[in-house]
Protein backbone atom coordinates (compact mmCIF):
# COMPACT_ATOMS: atom_id res chain seq x y z
CA MET A 1 16.52 75.95 145.76
CA TRP A 2 15.61 72.43 144.61
CA ASN A 3 19.28 71.43 144.66
CA SER A 4 19.63 72.69 148.24
CA ALA A 5 16.53 70.75 149.32
CA THR A 6 17.80 67.57 147.65
CA ARG A 7 21.19 68.00 149.28
CA PHE A 8 19.58 68.50 152.68
CA LEU A 9 17.49 65.33 152.30
CA ARG A 10 20.61 63.37 151.37
CA ILE A 11 22.35 64.65 154.52
CA VAL A 12 19.34 63.61 156.63
CA ALA A 13 19.42 60.15 155.04
CA THR A 14 23.13 59.88 155.82
CA VAL A 15 22.54 60.89 159.44
CA ILE A 16 19.98 58.07 159.72
CA ARG A 17 22.12 55.51 157.94
CA TYR A 18 25.23 56.06 160.02
CA ARG A 19 23.47 56.66 163.35
CA LEU A 20 24.80 60.19 163.70
CA ASP A 21 21.82 60.89 165.92
CA THR A 22 24.22 60.13 168.79
CA PHE A 23 25.68 63.59 168.12
CA ILE A 24 22.22 65.21 168.33
CA PRO A 25 20.89 65.99 171.84
CA ILE A 26 17.37 64.74 171.08
CA GLN A 27 16.35 64.95 174.74
CA LEU A 28 16.72 68.75 174.57
CA LEU A 29 14.35 69.14 171.60
CA PRO A 30 10.67 70.16 172.01
CA TRP A 31 8.41 67.13 172.56
CA TYR A 32 6.90 67.24 169.06
CA LEU A 33 10.38 67.23 167.45
CA LYS A 34 11.72 64.70 169.92
CA TYR A 35 9.18 62.04 168.98
CA SER A 36 9.10 62.81 165.25
CA VAL A 37 12.89 62.83 164.91
CA GLY A 38 13.16 59.72 167.07
CA LEU A 39 10.61 57.93 164.88
CA VAL A 40 12.46 58.86 161.67
CA LEU A 41 15.81 57.78 163.10
CA ASN A 42 14.41 54.38 164.05
CA ILE A 43 12.98 53.69 160.58
CA GLY A 44 15.43 52.07 158.18
CA ARG A 45 18.44 52.81 160.38
CA LYS A 46 21.51 50.92 159.28
CA ARG A 47 23.05 49.59 162.46
CA LEU A 48 26.82 49.57 162.37
CA ASP A 49 28.95 47.85 164.94
CA LYS A 50 31.40 50.78 164.94
CA ASN A 51 32.29 53.63 167.27
CA ARG A 52 31.07 57.20 166.80
CA GLY A 53 34.29 58.43 165.19
CA THR A 54 34.24 55.70 162.54
CA ARG A 55 30.56 56.33 161.79
CA LEU A 56 31.24 60.05 161.37
CA ARG A 57 34.18 59.38 159.05
CA LEU A 58 32.15 56.99 156.87
CA ALA A 59 29.28 59.48 156.71
CA LEU A 60 31.56 62.29 155.54
CA GLU A 61 33.09 60.03 152.90
CA SER A 62 29.65 59.11 151.60
CA LEU A 63 28.64 62.79 151.32
CA GLY A 64 31.43 63.55 148.87
CA PRO A 65 34.63 65.58 148.53
CA ILE A 66 33.44 68.78 150.22
CA PHE A 67 32.49 66.97 153.41
CA VAL A 68 35.66 64.89 153.22
CA LYS A 69 37.66 68.12 153.09
CA PHE A 70 35.66 69.46 156.03
CA GLY A 71 36.47 66.32 158.00
CA GLN A 72 40.17 66.67 157.20
CA ILE A 73 40.22 70.24 158.47
CA LEU A 74 38.06 69.32 161.46
CA SER A 75 40.61 66.62 162.38
CA THR A 76 43.23 69.33 162.93
CA ARG A 77 41.15 70.97 165.69
CA ARG A 78 42.34 68.67 168.46
CA ASP A 79 41.90 71.57 170.84
CA LEU A 80 38.15 71.21 170.28
CA LEU A 81 37.49 67.52 169.52
CA PRO A 82 37.60 64.39 171.64
CA ASP A 83 40.63 62.25 170.77
CA ASP A 84 38.61 59.32 169.39
CA ILE A 85 36.87 61.54 166.82
CA ALA A 86 40.02 63.49 165.88
CA ASP A 87 42.02 60.26 165.39
CA GLU A 88 39.34 58.76 163.15
CA LEU A 89 38.87 61.90 161.04
CA ALA A 90 42.62 62.06 160.50
CA LYS A 91 42.23 58.88 158.40
CA LEU A 92 40.16 60.66 155.77
CA GLN A 93 41.71 60.53 152.33
CA ASP A 94 40.68 62.15 149.06
CA ARG A 95 39.33 59.23 147.05
CA VAL A 96 37.77 61.45 144.42
CA PRO A 97 37.11 60.33 140.84
CA PRO A 98 38.65 62.66 138.24
CA PHE A 99 36.62 64.82 135.88
CA SER A 100 37.13 64.45 132.15
CA GLY A 101 40.28 65.63 130.38
CA GLU A 102 38.15 67.47 127.82
CA LEU A 103 36.52 69.50 130.58
CA ALA A 104 39.93 70.26 132.08
CA THR A 105 41.13 71.36 128.64
CA SER A 106 38.21 73.76 128.21
CA ILE A 107 38.88 75.34 131.64
CA ILE A 108 42.58 75.82 130.81
CA GLU A 109 41.82 77.37 127.43
CA LYS A 110 39.22 79.72 128.91
CA GLU A 111 41.60 80.89 131.67
CA LEU A 112 44.68 81.30 129.46
CA GLY A 113 42.92 82.58 126.35
CA ALA A 114 44.53 80.11 123.94
CA SER A 115 44.25 76.46 122.96
CA VAL A 116 46.37 73.88 124.78
CA ASP A 117 48.11 73.11 121.49
CA GLU A 118 49.25 76.76 121.28
CA ILE A 119 50.40 76.84 124.90
CA PHE A 120 51.97 73.41 125.30
CA LYS A 121 54.19 71.23 123.19
CA ALA A 122 52.41 68.26 124.76
CA PHE A 123 49.45 67.94 127.14
CA ASP A 124 48.22 64.71 128.74
CA ARG A 125 44.45 64.76 129.03
CA LYS A 126 44.53 61.87 131.46
CA PRO A 127 44.99 63.35 134.97
CA LEU A 128 48.07 62.46 136.99
CA ALA A 129 46.19 62.88 140.29
CA SER A 130 42.74 63.97 141.44
CA ALA A 131 41.64 65.53 144.73
CA SER A 132 38.53 67.17 146.16
CA ILE A 133 39.32 70.69 144.94
CA ALA A 134 41.47 70.21 141.84
CA GLN A 135 43.23 67.70 139.65
CA VAL A 136 46.66 67.69 137.99
CA HIS A 137 47.77 67.01 134.41
CA THR A 138 51.28 66.66 133.03
CA ALA A 139 52.45 68.80 130.10
CA THR A 140 55.50 70.10 128.26
CA LEU A 141 55.96 73.79 127.45
CA LYS A 142 56.93 74.93 123.97
CA SER A 143 60.37 75.78 125.43
CA GLY A 144 60.80 72.15 126.52
CA GLU A 145 60.26 72.38 130.32
CA GLU A 146 58.32 69.53 131.93
CA VAL A 147 55.42 70.96 133.96
CA VAL A 148 52.24 70.01 135.81
CA VAL A 149 48.98 71.85 135.28
CA LYS A 150 46.63 72.14 138.26
CA VAL A 151 42.98 72.77 137.39
CA ILE A 152 40.14 73.66 139.78
CA ARG A 153 37.11 71.36 139.53
CA PRO A 154 34.27 72.86 137.48
CA ASN A 155 31.35 74.39 139.46
CA ILE A 156 33.02 73.38 142.70
CA GLU A 157 32.62 76.84 144.30
CA LYS A 158 28.83 76.77 143.93
CA THR A 159 28.67 73.32 145.55
CA ILE A 160 31.01 74.41 148.33
CA ARG A 161 28.95 77.51 149.16
CA GLN A 162 25.74 75.46 149.28
CA ASP A 163 27.34 72.93 151.61
CA ILE A 164 28.79 75.69 153.80
CA LYS A 165 25.30 77.14 154.29
CA LEU A 166 24.06 73.73 155.39
CA LEU A 167 27.05 73.32 157.71
CA TYR A 168 26.31 76.71 159.30
CA THR A 169 22.69 75.64 159.87
CA LEU A 170 23.81 72.42 161.57
CA ALA A 171 26.48 74.25 163.59
CA HIS A 172 24.01 76.84 164.93
CA PHE A 173 21.56 74.07 165.80
CA VAL A 174 24.19 72.12 167.77
CA ALA A 175 25.44 75.29 169.50
CA LYS A 176 21.93 76.25 170.62
CA THR A 177 20.77 72.85 171.82
CA SER A 178 23.84 71.40 173.53
CA SER A 179 26.25 72.64 176.16
CA ASP A 180 28.86 70.25 174.76
CA GLY A 181 28.12 71.72 171.34
CA ARG A 182 28.79 75.23 172.60
CA ARG A 183 32.04 74.05 174.16
CA LEU A 184 33.19 72.63 170.80
CA ARG A 185 32.32 75.97 169.11
CA PRO A 186 30.92 74.43 165.90
CA VAL A 187 30.19 77.80 164.27
CA GLU A 188 33.82 78.81 164.69
CA VAL A 189 34.92 75.50 163.16
CA VAL A 190 32.74 76.09 160.10
CA GLN A 191 34.12 79.64 159.80
CA ASP A 192 37.67 78.26 159.80
CA TYR A 193 36.67 75.72 157.17
CA GLU A 194 35.03 78.37 154.98
CA TYR A 195 38.11 80.60 155.12
CA THR A 196 40.49 77.73 154.34
CA ILE A 197 38.58 76.06 151.55
CA LEU A 198 37.70 79.30 149.73
CA ASP A 199 41.40 80.20 149.78
CA GLU A 200 42.18 76.82 148.22
CA LEU A 201 39.85 77.66 145.33
CA ASP A 202 42.14 80.53 144.29
CA LEU A 203 45.23 79.07 142.60
CA ALA A 204 46.66 82.57 142.20
CA LYS A 205 47.03 82.70 146.00
CA GLU A 206 48.63 79.26 146.06
CA ALA A 207 51.08 80.37 143.37
CA ALA A 208 51.98 83.47 145.41
CA ASN A 209 52.52 81.33 148.53
CA THR A 210 54.72 78.96 146.55
CA GLY A 211 56.79 81.86 145.23
CA LEU A 212 57.41 83.24 148.72
CA LEU A 213 58.35 79.83 150.14
CA GLN A 214 60.72 79.35 147.21
CA ARG A 215 62.46 82.68 147.88
CA ASN A 216 62.79 81.84 151.56
CA PHE A 217 64.67 78.62 150.72
CA GLU A 218 66.54 79.86 147.67
CA ASN A 219 69.92 78.07 147.36
CA SER A 220 69.08 75.99 150.45
CA ASP A 221 70.27 72.39 150.74
CA LEU A 222 67.33 71.57 153.03
CA LEU A 223 64.23 72.20 150.91
CA TYR A 224 63.44 72.65 147.23
CA VAL A 225 60.25 74.38 146.08
CA PRO A 226 59.20 74.00 142.40
CA GLN A 227 59.19 76.95 140.03
CA ILE A 228 55.89 78.67 139.19
CA TYR A 229 55.30 79.70 135.56
CA TRP A 230 53.50 82.97 136.15
CA ASP A 231 52.54 83.58 132.50
CA TYR A 232 50.35 80.48 132.64
CA SER A 233 48.87 80.82 136.13
CA ARG A 234 45.42 82.19 136.92
CA ARG A 235 42.69 81.81 139.55
CA ASN A 236 41.53 78.42 138.20
CA VAL A 237 44.77 77.20 136.58
CA MET A 238 48.35 77.00 137.84
CA VAL A 239 51.38 75.75 135.91
CA MET A 240 54.34 74.56 137.96
CA GLU A 241 57.66 72.82 137.37
CA ARG A 242 57.31 69.03 137.44
CA ILE A 243 59.44 67.54 140.17
CA SER A 244 60.88 64.05 140.49
CA GLY A 245 61.41 62.53 143.89
CA ILE A 246 60.44 59.71 146.20
CA PRO A 247 57.27 60.19 148.31
CA VAL A 248 58.42 60.70 151.87
CA ALA A 249 56.15 57.92 153.12
CA ASP A 250 57.73 55.36 150.75
CA ILE A 251 60.32 54.20 153.27
CA PRO A 252 61.38 51.03 151.36
CA ALA A 253 62.22 53.15 148.28
CA LEU A 254 64.20 55.60 150.42
CA ARG A 255 66.17 52.77 151.99
CA ASP A 256 66.85 51.28 148.55
CA LYS A 257 68.55 54.59 147.69
CA ASN A 258 70.61 54.39 150.92
CA VAL A 259 69.07 57.61 152.27
CA ASN A 260 70.30 58.47 155.77
CA MET A 261 66.98 58.23 157.60
CA LYS A 262 68.26 59.87 160.80
CA VAL A 263 69.51 62.92 158.90
CA LEU A 264 66.30 63.03 156.85
CA ALA A 265 64.15 63.07 160.00
CA GLU A 266 66.29 65.75 161.67
CA ARG A 267 66.26 67.90 158.55
CA GLY A 268 62.47 67.81 158.52
CA VAL A 269 62.45 69.22 162.05
CA GLU A 270 65.03 71.87 161.10
CA ILE A 271 62.94 72.94 158.10
CA PHE A 272 59.89 73.35 160.31
CA PHE A 273 61.63 75.51 162.92
CA THR A 274 63.38 77.54 160.21
CA GLN A 275 60.02 78.35 158.62
CA VAL A 276 58.37 79.22 161.92
CA PHE A 277 61.09 81.22 163.69
CA SER A 278 63.33 82.54 160.90
CA HIS A 279 60.81 83.18 158.12
CA SER A 280 57.53 83.60 160.07
CA PHE A 281 55.85 81.78 157.17
CA PHE A 282 55.31 78.03 157.23
CA HIS A 283 53.74 75.31 155.11
CA ALA A 284 50.71 74.26 157.15
CA ASP A 285 49.66 71.22 155.11
CA MET A 286 52.78 69.06 155.31
CA HIS A 287 51.16 65.64 155.14
CA PRO A 288 53.08 62.87 153.32
CA GLY A 289 51.22 63.45 150.05
CA ASN A 290 52.75 66.92 149.75
CA ILE A 291 56.37 66.00 150.58
CA PHE A 292 58.96 64.27 148.43
CA VAL A 293 62.65 63.49 148.86
CA ASP A 294 65.50 64.08 146.44
CA PRO A 295 67.82 61.07 147.04
CA SER A 296 70.65 62.28 144.79
CA THR A 297 72.77 63.03 147.89
CA PRO A 298 71.69 60.21 150.25
CA GLU A 299 73.83 61.38 153.19
CA LYS A 300 72.30 64.87 152.95
CA PRO A 301 68.84 64.22 151.50
CA LYS A 302 66.82 67.20 150.37
CA TYR A 303 63.08 67.68 150.81
CA ILE A 304 60.72 68.83 148.05
CA ALA A 305 57.45 70.55 149.02
CA ILE A 306 54.35 71.06 146.89
CA ASP A 307 50.76 72.30 147.44
CA CYS A 308 51.19 75.63 149.27
CA ALA A 309 47.48 76.42 149.47
CA ILE A 310 47.44 76.46 153.29
CA MET A 311 50.19 78.53 154.88
CA GLY A 312 50.62 79.90 158.38
CA SER A 313 52.44 82.94 159.72
CA LEU A 314 53.46 84.14 163.18
CA ASP A 315 54.29 87.63 164.37
CA ASP A 316 57.12 88.38 166.80
CA ALA A 317 54.78 88.18 169.80
CA ASP A 318 53.58 84.70 168.78
CA LYS A 319 57.12 83.46 168.23
CA ASN A 320 58.31 84.89 171.52
CA TYR A 321 55.37 83.25 173.29
CA LEU A 322 56.06 79.84 171.74
CA ALA A 323 59.83 79.87 172.20
CA ARG A 324 59.74 80.98 175.85
CA ASN A 325 56.93 78.56 176.68
CA LEU A 326 58.61 75.56 175.06
CA LEU A 327 61.91 76.32 176.76
CA ALA A 328 60.14 76.75 180.11
CA PHE A 329 58.25 73.51 179.56
CA PHE A 330 61.35 71.44 179.02
CA LYS A 331 62.97 73.05 182.05
CA ARG A 332 59.78 72.13 183.95
CA ASP A 333 59.39 75.76 185.00
CA TYR A 334 55.60 75.67 185.14
CA ARG A 335 55.43 78.90 187.10
CA MET A 336 57.11 80.67 184.17
CA VAL A 337 54.67 79.04 181.73
CA ALA A 338 51.70 80.29 183.75
CA GLU A 339 53.14 83.80 184.09
CA LEU A 340 53.89 83.96 180.37
CA HIS A 341 50.28 83.14 179.55
CA VAL A 342 48.96 85.90 181.81
CA GLU A 343 51.64 88.38 180.71
CA SER A 344 50.93 87.85 177.01
CA GLY A 345 47.17 88.11 177.45
CA TRP A 346 46.44 84.56 176.27
CA VAL A 347 44.47 84.06 179.48
CA PRO A 348 42.59 86.81 181.39
CA LYS A 349 44.70 89.10 183.57
CA GLY A 350 42.86 88.05 186.73
CA THR A 351 43.74 84.36 186.30
CA PRO A 352 45.22 82.95 189.56
CA VAL A 353 48.77 82.05 188.55
CA HIS A 354 49.20 79.41 191.26
CA ALA A 355 46.05 77.53 190.15
CA PHE A 356 47.09 77.72 186.49
CA GLU A 357 50.60 76.52 187.38
CA SER A 358 49.16 73.55 189.29
CA ALA A 359 46.93 72.58 186.35
CA ILE A 360 49.85 72.70 183.90
CA ARG A 361 52.02 70.62 186.23
CA SER A 362 49.34 67.94 186.53
CA VAL A 363 49.21 67.61 182.73
CA CYS A 364 52.93 67.79 181.96
CA GLU A 365 54.61 65.84 184.74
CA PRO A 366 53.36 62.46 183.44
CA MET A 367 54.86 63.31 180.05
CA PHE A 368 58.28 63.90 181.56
CA ALA A 369 58.18 60.49 183.23
CA LYS A 370 59.23 59.12 179.81
CA PRO A 371 62.68 59.49 178.22
CA LEU A 372 63.09 62.86 176.54
CA LYS A 373 63.26 61.37 173.04
CA GLU A 374 59.82 59.81 173.56
CA ILE A 375 58.15 63.06 174.56
CA SER A 376 55.85 64.42 171.86
CA PHE A 377 56.30 68.10 171.15
CA GLY A 378 52.86 68.17 169.59
CA GLN A 379 51.26 66.53 172.62
CA VAL A 380 53.00 69.02 174.92
CA LEU A 381 51.58 71.90 172.89
CA LEU A 382 48.17 70.22 172.74
CA GLY A 383 48.22 69.68 176.50
CA LEU A 384 49.10 73.33 176.97
CA PHE A 385 46.19 74.54 174.84
CA GLN A 386 43.68 72.15 176.42
CA THR A 387 44.72 73.15 179.95
CA ALA A 388 44.68 76.85 179.10
CA ARG A 389 41.16 76.54 177.69
CA ARG A 390 39.92 75.67 181.18
CA PHE A 391 41.15 79.13 182.15
CA ASN A 392 39.29 80.83 179.27
CA MET A 393 42.20 80.91 176.84
CA GLU A 394 41.09 81.55 173.27
CA VAL A 395 43.35 79.54 170.95
CA GLN A 396 44.50 81.66 168.02
CA PRO A 397 44.04 80.20 164.48
CA GLN A 398 47.73 80.58 163.65
CA LEU A 399 48.65 78.53 166.73
CA VAL A 400 46.18 75.81 165.75
CA LEU A 401 47.80 75.61 162.31
CA LEU A 402 51.21 75.44 163.93
CA GLU A 403 50.11 72.68 166.32
CA LYS A 404 48.70 70.65 163.42
CA THR A 405 51.90 71.09 161.39
CA LEU A 406 54.10 70.19 164.35
CA LEU A 407 52.09 66.99 164.91
CA ASN A 408 52.51 66.12 161.22
CA ILE A 409 56.25 66.80 161.24
CA GLU A 410 56.81 64.93 164.47
CA GLY A 411 54.81 61.91 163.33
CA LEU A 412 56.57 61.86 159.98
CA GLY A 413 60.01 62.23 161.59
CA ARG A 414 59.47 59.30 163.94
CA GLN A 415 58.09 57.24 161.08
CA LEU A 416 61.35 57.84 159.24
CA TYR A 417 63.55 57.39 162.31
CA PRO A 418 61.80 55.97 165.42
CA ASP A 419 64.59 57.13 167.77
CA LEU A 420 64.28 60.77 166.65
CA ASP A 421 64.87 63.08 169.62
CA LEU A 422 63.01 66.21 168.59
CA TRP A 423 64.35 68.12 171.57
CA VAL A 424 67.99 67.67 170.50
CA THR A 425 67.20 69.50 167.25
CA ALA A 426 64.70 71.99 168.63
CA LYS A 427 66.35 73.20 171.85
CA PRO A 428 69.51 74.72 170.26
CA PHE A 429 67.33 76.36 167.60
CA LEU A 430 65.00 77.91 170.20
CA GLU A 431 67.85 79.03 172.45
CA ARG A 432 69.67 80.59 169.50
CA TRP A 433 66.56 82.39 168.37
CA MET A 434 65.92 83.73 171.87
CA SER A 435 69.51 84.99 172.17
CA GLU A 436 69.13 86.79 168.85
CA GLN A 437 66.14 88.75 170.17
CA VAL A 438 68.34 90.70 172.59
CA GLY A 439 71.88 92.01 172.59
CA PRO A 440 74.20 93.52 169.95
CA ARG A 441 73.10 91.27 167.10
CA ARG A 442 69.46 92.28 167.47
CA LEU A 443 70.49 95.95 167.62
CA LEU A 444 72.62 95.53 164.48
CA ASP A 445 69.72 93.83 162.66
CA GLU A 446 67.40 96.70 163.58
CA VAL A 447 69.98 99.23 162.33
CA LYS A 448 70.29 97.32 159.05
CA LYS A 449 66.51 97.17 158.73
CA GLN A 450 66.13 100.93 159.28
CA ALA A 451 69.18 101.96 157.20
CA PRO A 452 67.34 102.32 153.84
CA GLU A 453 64.69 104.53 155.45
CA TRP A 454 67.35 106.67 157.12
CA ALA A 455 69.27 106.96 153.83
CA ALA A 456 66.12 108.23 152.10
CA HIS A 457 66.04 111.18 154.56
CA LEU A 458 69.73 112.15 154.20
CA PRO A 459 69.13 114.96 151.61
CA GLN A 460 66.65 116.57 154.04
CA ILE A 461 69.08 116.68 156.96
CA PRO A 462 70.59 120.21 156.26
CA ASN A 463 67.10 121.75 156.09
CA LEU A 464 66.06 119.83 159.19
CA VAL A 465 69.16 121.05 161.08
CA PHE A 466 68.53 124.68 160.00
CA SER A 467 64.84 124.47 160.93
CA THR A 468 65.69 122.92 164.28
CA MET A 469 68.31 125.60 165.09
CA THR A 470 65.89 128.39 164.09
CA HIS A 471 63.17 126.84 166.21
CA LEU A 472 65.51 126.53 169.18
CA SER A 473 66.61 130.18 168.79
CA GLN A 474 63.01 131.39 168.68
CA GLN A 475 62.20 129.20 171.62
CA GLU A 476 65.07 130.72 173.60
CA ILE A 477 63.80 134.25 172.85
CA ARG A 478 60.29 133.29 173.97
CA ILE A 479 61.70 131.78 177.16
CA GLN A 480 63.63 135.00 177.89
CA GLU A 481 60.52 137.12 177.30
CA GLN A 482 58.47 134.87 179.56
CA THR A 483 61.19 135.03 182.24
CA GLN A 484 61.20 138.85 182.11
CA ALA A 485 57.42 138.98 182.34
CA LEU A 486 57.47 136.65 185.35
CA GLU A 487 60.11 138.81 187.03
CA GLN A 488 57.99 141.93 186.47
CA ILE A 489 55.00 140.16 188.02
CA ARG A 490 57.12 139.18 191.02
CA LYS A 491 58.21 142.83 191.48
CA GLU A 492 54.62 144.04 191.30
CA LEU A 493 53.58 141.47 193.87
CA ARG A 494 56.43 142.44 196.23
CA ARG A 495 55.56 146.13 195.85
CA SER A 496 51.89 145.37 196.42
CA ARG A 497 52.75 143.56 199.64
CA ARG A 498 54.90 146.50 200.80
CA ASN A 499 52.07 149.02 200.08
CA GLN A 500 49.32 147.09 201.84
CA PRO A 501 49.77 148.97 205.21
CA PHE A 502 49.58 152.34 203.39
CA LYS A 503 46.38 151.32 201.59
CA LEU A 504 44.84 150.29 204.89
CA LEU A 505 45.91 153.60 206.44
CA GLY A 506 44.35 155.47 203.48
CA LEU A 507 41.05 153.69 204.02
CA LEU A 508 41.10 154.60 207.67
CA ALA A 509 41.84 158.24 206.80
CA LEU A 510 38.92 158.44 204.41
CA GLY A 511 36.66 156.90 207.02
CA ALA A 512 37.78 159.41 209.63
CA ALA A 513 37.23 162.31 207.19
CA TRP A 514 33.68 161.11 206.49
CA ILE A 515 32.88 160.90 210.17
CA THR A 516 34.36 164.32 211.04
CA THR A 517 32.58 166.15 208.23
CA ASP A 518 29.29 164.64 209.38
CA ASN A 519 28.43 163.84 205.79
CA ILE A 520 28.96 167.40 204.58
CA ALA A 521 28.30 167.65 200.85
CA LEU A 522 31.25 168.20 198.60
CA GLU A 523 30.23 171.76 197.66
CA HIS A 524 30.32 172.76 201.34
CA LEU A 525 33.68 171.14 201.96
CA ALA A 526 35.33 174.56 202.52
CA GLN A 527 33.27 174.99 205.64
CA ALA A 528 34.55 171.74 207.14
CA ASP A 529 37.13 171.45 209.74
CA ILE A 530 40.73 171.69 208.45
CA LEU A 531 41.47 168.29 210.02
CA SER A 532 38.73 166.55 208.07
CA LEU A 533 40.06 168.00 204.81
CA ALA A 534 43.57 166.84 205.62
CA LEU A 535 42.32 163.32 206.39
CA PHE A 536 40.42 163.18 203.12
CA LEU A 537 43.35 164.28 200.97
CA GLY A 538 45.75 161.99 202.80
CA GLY A 539 43.50 158.99 202.27
CA VAL A 540 43.17 159.73 198.54
CA TYR A 541 46.92 160.01 198.23
CA LEU A 542 47.59 156.73 200.03
CA LEU A 543 44.98 154.79 198.05
CA VAL A 544 45.44 156.24 194.59
CA LEU A 545 48.54 158.31 194.11
CA LYS A 546 51.19 156.51 196.17
CA PRO A 547 53.17 154.16 193.88
């Protein structure tokens, strides 16, 4: 409790120091809070001649690694943030001091149940790199393989959960007191952050993600993913093959190795679209710190990817939506874009298509005034999401991850090769994928997919055939019986219709007999007139005895 109070006071002090009160709608507070908060904010305020985005970035950096990580994730939500804030938060870097090698050693030994000397031939207690969630040490296995050991920071989960509670408190406050705050959906942003960062605390999940990405690109000449050593990987420790390569942002080193920068940039785009549309599983944290280049074949350079903590996936509906929309965009078929949004349910069914089409056109036409190679795929997608939000479109988390990754890939590609024409690489890929969704090839793929399941049922086919034939035979008998019954009913109805005049005549005869006998009792019937008796008997016959 004391730690939480101390942390809260530090956050308040940071708000004062960096003038973050500009984000707080003080005018909407009750009068007693308005004046008290205003007084506090004006005492000891450090005035900075910087814009709001810079002040927010500096404040997050001063609050430590958890808030830095929050700022990094927040910077990806360009569908929610103003551009000046998103651009500034994108500059956040993990400048986190490492924790001691002895502490890292104790965590490894606790997780793996043995001393580092028993596990490794050599272990460097000095960290190779340190970040907000974990740090990395180099080591050599007893079998001789060079590896890196990733270790989660001690007690980091407790700190993260405390900070998340405070973030939720701030988010609810902003959402309740500001219409702009509600529009930015701060509670949803904190929820996304909580989900992402808690996943990053589990290195077993990261190892599983790495294994799947590795299988997807097995024997590929586009991307290499390091090997995971599963016997030495746990929730708080992960052991992975040590890779050697040039950081993708080190352009002078790449040029020194005569790497074909045009091919390298195009291959980055190809890797992205392969992950998204062929594998439905993509690396969603592809910033330069997580990407290296193998320059051993400079004309066909190969990428190396690490840190698979944050991954995205798309289902067939998402992929279909993206492919058809992007193709329609670059054909300037805005009517199709609007109809696709309504058809897929991304915007409400009652949305006026013509109004939505007009809004999309107003955003996209200025983009197409530039040469195609200068058009930003990421900005097109961002413009689409921002426009659709005006029509109550709820942006799906997987699409936000994809947008962020596309912006990273596009920015990186043009950094490597400024004349990169993303559309030249993307259009054939999208058109090929769309053609594969229909036609004989798609049918063949579905048959191949279902073949193992069909094969499993082959031994049951004779019994199924026999049961089906027996069922059909019994069904045929029942149909015949029902047909006969219906025919009998028809005959009875026809006969009933034919006998109706006789029944009526019988009723008349009985009535005449009653009148003529003048209500003579049955025991005196012999005294009645012969005609009355004849009428009575005839009526009984017509009503009862005549078939």
